[in-house]
């Protein structure tokens, strides 16, 4: 998994990319922007943009997992995924 950060004009963009051995690639972008009145602390924008990208990627990965389970479940309509 890679997270790439880009900063420009008070905005931070994080792109999280997950590549699996099976050839699957999932990608999600998170963004943050600095309020003009805020102090310049780049780490905050990096953290927030990264958090948003990873949270989105986690949701995308769960959706992909649900789809894979449904496609491979021998008893359609009864697939359940537990998150605990």
Protein backbone atom coordinates (compact mmCIF):
# COMPACT_ATOMS: atom_id res chain seq x y z
CA UNK A 1 0.00 0.00 0.00
CA UNK A 2 1.22 3.48 -0.83
CA UNK A 3 0.07 6.90 0.32
CA UNK A 4 1.18 9.84 -1.79
CA UNK A 5 0.84 13.41 -0.51
CA UNK A 6 0.61 16.54 -2.65
CA UNK A 7 0.40 20.11 -1.39
CA UNK A 8 -0.56 23.18 -3.39
CA UNK A 9 -2.17 26.53 -2.59
CA UNK A 10 -3.05 25.65 1.01
CA UNK A 11 -4.60 22.31 0.01
CA UNK A 12 -3.29 18.85 0.74
CA UNK A 13 -4.27 15.81 -1.29
CA UNK A 14 -3.52 12.25 -0.20
CA UNK A 15 -3.91 9.34 -2.56
CA UNK A 16 -4.01 5.88 -0.94
CA UNK A 17 -3.38 2.97 -3.29
CA UNK A 18 -3.72 -0.70 -2.36
CA UNK A 19 -2.38 -3.32 -4.76
CA UNK A 20 -2.87 -7.02 -4.08
CA UNK A 21 -0.97 -10.06 -5.31
CA UNK A 22 -4.11 -11.00 -7.26
CA UNK A 23 -3.77 -7.83 -9.35
CA UNK A 24 -6.55 -5.87 -7.68
CA UNK A 25 -5.92 -2.15 -7.24
CA UNK A 26 -8.05 0.08 -5.05
CA UNK A 27 -7.45 3.81 -4.89
CA UNK A 28 -9.02 6.58 -2.84
CA UNK A 29 -8.26 10.29 -2.50
CA UNK A 30 -8.64 12.44 0.61
CA UNK A 31 -8.29 16.20 0.72
CA UNK A 32 -7.76 18.87 3.35
CA UNK A 33 -7.44 22.62 3.08
CA UNK A 34 -5.98 25.18 5.43
CA UNK A 35 -8.17 28.02 6.51
CA UNK A 36 -6.35 31.27 5.67
CA UNK A 37 -6.60 32.31 9.35
CA UNK A 38 -4.96 29.07 10.60
CA UNK A 39 -1.27 28.80 11.44
CA UNK A 40 0.82 27.02 8.83
CA UNK A 41 1.23 23.48 10.27
CA UNK A 42 1.61 21.18 7.24
CA UNK A 43 1.43 18.03 9.37
CA UNK A 44 -2.22 18.72 10.15
CA UNK A 45 -3.20 18.82 6.49
CA UNK A 46 -1.12 15.70 5.80
CA UNK A 47 -2.78 13.83 8.65
CA UNK A 48 -6.32 14.87 7.79
CA UNK A 49 -5.99 14.19 4.06
CA UNK A 50 -4.36 10.81 4.78
CA UNK A 51 -7.08 9.90 7.28
CA UNK A 52 -9.78 10.72 4.74
CA UNK A 53 -8.03 8.72 2.01
CA UNK A 54 -7.54 5.68 4.26
CA UNK A 55 -11.11 5.81 5.60
CA UNK A 56 -12.44 5.92 2.04
CA UNK A 57 -10.13 3.10 1.01
CA UNK A 58 -11.35 1.00 3.95
CA UNK A 59 -14.95 1.47 2.80
CA UNK A 60 -14.03 0.64 -0.79
CA UNK A 61 -12.22 -2.49 0.39
CA UNK A 62 -15.24 -3.60 2.44
CA UNK A 63 -17.51 -3.07 -0.58
CA UNK A 64 -15.14 -5.13 -2.74
CA UNK A 65 -15.06 -7.88 -0.10
CA UNK A 66 -18.84 -8.01 0.13
CA UNK A 67 -19.05 -8.29 -3.66
CA UNK A 68 -16.46 -11.08 -3.72
CA UNK A 69 -18.26 -13.00 -0.97
CA UNK A 70 -21.59 -12.67 -2.76
CA UNK A 71 -20.05 -13.89 -6.03
CA UNK A 72 -18.46 -16.90 -4.37
CA UNK A 73 -21.09 -17.88 -1.78
CA UNK A 74 -22.68 -21.27 -2.54
CA UNK A 75 -25.94 -20.11 -0.90
CA UNK A 76 -26.82 -16.78 -2.58
CA UNK A 77 -28.74 -14.23 -0.57
CA UNK A 78 -27.36 -15.46 2.75
CA UNK A 79 -23.84 -13.98 2.71
CA UNK A 80 -22.96 -12.09 5.86
CA UNK A 81 -19.73 -10.43 6.82
CA UNK A 82 -18.96 -9.84 10.48
CA UNK A 83 -16.80 -6.87 11.40
CA UNK A 84 -15.75 -7.98 14.88
